[in-house]
Amino acid sequence: MPFDFEEIDIGGDPELESRYREWLPVVEIDGERAFVYYVDPGAFRRKVAAQS
C-alpha cells in the first residue's frame, strides 16, 4: 500500500520534545494523532487506506 512517510527526529528541538516526548512513538496521519506507544499493523493499514 503506497503512502508518503516522514520521520521527524525530535531530539534537540525543545518544542517538539515537550510536545511529544511522553507519547513516543507517535504516528500522525494527515495531522491527526493515530497511534501512541504502539502501532498495530492492521489498524495502521486500515487508517492509511481510509485516507486514500
N, C-alpha and C. Protein backbone atom coordinates (compact mmCIF):
# COMPACT_ATOMS: atom_id res chain seq x y z
N MET A 1 0.86 -1.17 0.00
CA MET A 1 0.00 0.00 0.00
C MET A 1 0.91 1.24 0.00
N PRO A 2 0.97 1.97 -1.08
CA PRO A 2 1.84 3.14 -1.13
C PRO A 2 1.29 4.32 -0.30
N PHE A 3 2.20 5.03 0.35
CA PHE A 3 1.85 6.23 1.09
C PHE A 3 3.13 7.02 1.33
N ASP A 4 3.00 8.31 1.57
CA ASP A 4 4.14 9.16 1.89
C ASP A 4 4.42 9.05 3.38
N PHE A 5 5.71 9.00 3.71
CA PHE A 5 6.13 8.83 5.10
C PHE A 5 7.18 9.86 5.43
N GLU A 6 7.02 10.53 6.55
CA GLU A 6 8.02 11.50 7.00
C GLU A 6 8.37 11.18 8.45
N GLU A 7 9.63 10.87 8.69
CA GLU A 7 10.11 10.61 10.05
C GLU A 7 10.74 11.89 10.58
N ILE A 8 10.36 12.30 11.78
CA ILE A 8 10.88 13.53 12.37
C ILE A 8 11.60 13.19 13.66
N ASP A 9 12.87 13.55 13.73
CA ASP A 9 13.67 13.36 14.94
C ASP A 9 13.44 14.58 15.83
N ILE A 10 12.86 14.35 17.01
CA ILE A 10 12.55 15.47 17.90
C ILE A 10 13.73 15.87 18.77
N GLY A 11 14.79 15.05 18.76
CA GLY A 11 15.96 15.34 19.60
C GLY A 11 16.57 16.69 19.28
N GLY A 12 16.75 17.49 20.28
CA GLY A 12 17.36 18.80 20.10
C GLY A 12 16.38 19.92 19.79
N ASP A 13 15.10 19.58 19.64
CA ASP A 13 14.08 20.61 19.39
C ASP A 13 13.21 20.69 20.64
N PRO A 14 13.46 21.69 21.51
CA PRO A 14 12.74 21.78 22.79
C PRO A 14 11.22 21.77 22.64
N GLU A 15 10.69 22.44 21.63
CA GLU A 15 9.23 22.49 21.44
C GLU A 15 8.67 21.10 21.13
N LEU A 16 9.29 20.40 20.18
CA LEU A 16 8.82 19.07 19.83
C LEU A 16 9.03 18.08 20.97
N GLU A 17 10.16 18.19 21.67
CA GLU A 17 10.39 17.30 22.81
C GLU A 17 9.34 17.48 23.89
N SER A 18 8.98 18.71 24.19
CA SER A 18 7.98 18.94 25.23
C SER A 18 6.60 18.47 24.79
N ARG A 19 6.33 18.52 23.48
CA ARG A 19 5.03 18.12 22.95
C ARG A 19 4.87 16.61 22.82
N TYR A 20 5.94 15.92 22.48
CA TYR A 20 5.81 14.51 22.11
C TYR A 20 6.59 13.52 22.96
N ARG A 21 7.54 13.94 23.77
CA ARG A 21 8.43 13.01 24.47
C ARG A 21 7.68 11.91 25.22
N GLU A 22 6.63 12.24 25.95
CA GLU A 22 5.93 11.24 26.75
C GLU A 22 5.08 10.30 25.92
N TRP A 23 4.88 10.59 24.64
CA TRP A 23 3.99 9.80 23.79
C TRP A 23 4.73 8.87 22.82
N LEU A 24 6.04 8.90 22.78
CA LEU A 24 6.80 8.19 21.75
C LEU A 24 6.58 6.70 21.77
N PRO A 25 6.52 6.06 20.64
CA PRO A 25 6.45 6.68 19.32
C PRO A 25 5.05 7.24 19.06
N VAL A 26 5.01 8.25 18.24
CA VAL A 26 3.76 8.89 17.85
C VAL A 26 3.63 8.76 16.34
N VAL A 27 2.45 8.37 15.88
CA VAL A 27 2.18 8.34 14.45
C VAL A 27 0.97 9.22 14.21
N GLU A 28 1.14 10.18 13.31
CA GLU A 28 0.03 11.03 12.91
C GLU A 28 -0.28 10.76 11.45
N ILE A 29 -1.55 10.76 11.12
CA ILE A 29 -1.99 10.59 9.74
C ILE A 29 -2.79 11.82 9.38
N ASP A 30 -2.31 12.54 8.37
CA ASP A 30 -2.92 13.81 7.94
C ASP A 30 -3.08 14.77 9.11
N GLY A 31 -2.04 14.85 9.96
CA GLY A 31 -2.03 15.80 11.06
C GLY A 31 -2.82 15.37 12.29
N GLU A 32 -3.45 14.21 12.24
CA GLU A 32 -4.23 13.71 13.37
C GLU A 32 -3.46 12.57 14.04
N ARG A 33 -3.36 12.61 15.36
CA ARG A 33 -2.67 11.56 16.10
C ARG A 33 -3.45 10.26 15.93
N ALA A 34 -2.78 9.24 15.39
CA ALA A 34 -3.42 7.96 15.12
C ALA A 34 -2.96 6.87 16.09
N PHE A 35 -1.68 6.92 16.51
CA PHE A 35 -1.12 5.91 17.39
C PHE A 35 -0.12 6.54 18.34
N VAL A 36 -0.07 6.02 19.55
CA VAL A 36 0.98 6.37 20.50
C VAL A 36 1.43 5.08 21.18
N TYR A 37 2.70 5.03 21.55
CA TYR A 37 3.32 3.90 22.23
C TYR A 37 3.48 2.67 21.35
N TYR A 38 2.46 2.30 20.60
CA TYR A 38 2.47 1.06 19.81
C TYR A 38 1.66 1.28 18.54
N VAL A 39 2.14 0.72 17.44
CA VAL A 39 1.42 0.82 16.18
C VAL A 39 0.94 -0.58 15.80
N ASP A 40 -0.36 -0.77 15.76
CA ASP A 40 -0.94 -2.03 15.34
C ASP A 40 -0.93 -2.08 13.81
N PRO A 41 -0.24 -3.04 13.22
CA PRO A 41 -0.12 -3.07 11.75
C PRO A 41 -1.46 -3.11 11.01
N GLY A 42 -2.40 -3.91 11.47
CA GLY A 42 -3.70 -3.98 10.80
C GLY A 42 -4.45 -2.66 10.89
N ALA A 43 -4.47 -2.06 12.07
CA ALA A 43 -5.15 -0.78 12.24
C ALA A 43 -4.46 0.31 11.42
N PHE A 44 -3.13 0.25 11.33
CA PHE A 44 -2.39 1.22 10.53
C PHE A 44 -2.81 1.12 9.07
N ARG A 45 -2.85 -0.11 8.53
CA ARG A 45 -3.25 -0.29 7.12
C ARG A 45 -4.67 0.23 6.89
N ARG A 46 -5.59 -0.04 7.81
CA ARG A 46 -6.96 0.44 7.65
C ARG A 46 -7.02 1.96 7.66
N LYS A 47 -6.28 2.59 8.57
CA LYS A 47 -6.30 4.05 8.65
C LYS A 47 -5.70 4.70 7.41
N VAL A 48 -4.61 4.13 6.92
CA VAL A 48 -3.98 4.68 5.71
C VAL A 48 -4.92 4.47 4.51
N ALA A 49 -5.53 3.31 4.40
CA ALA A 49 -6.45 3.04 3.29
C ALA A 49 -7.65 3.98 3.33
N ALA A 50 -8.12 4.32 4.52
CA ALA A 50 -9.28 5.21 4.66
C ALA A 50 -8.96 6.63 4.19
N GLN A 51 -7.69 7.00 4.22
CA GLN A 51 -7.29 8.35 3.80
C GLN A 51 -7.14 8.45 2.28
N SER A 52 -7.08 7.32 1.59
CA SER A 52 -6.86 7.32 0.13
C SER A 52 -8.11 7.69 -0.62
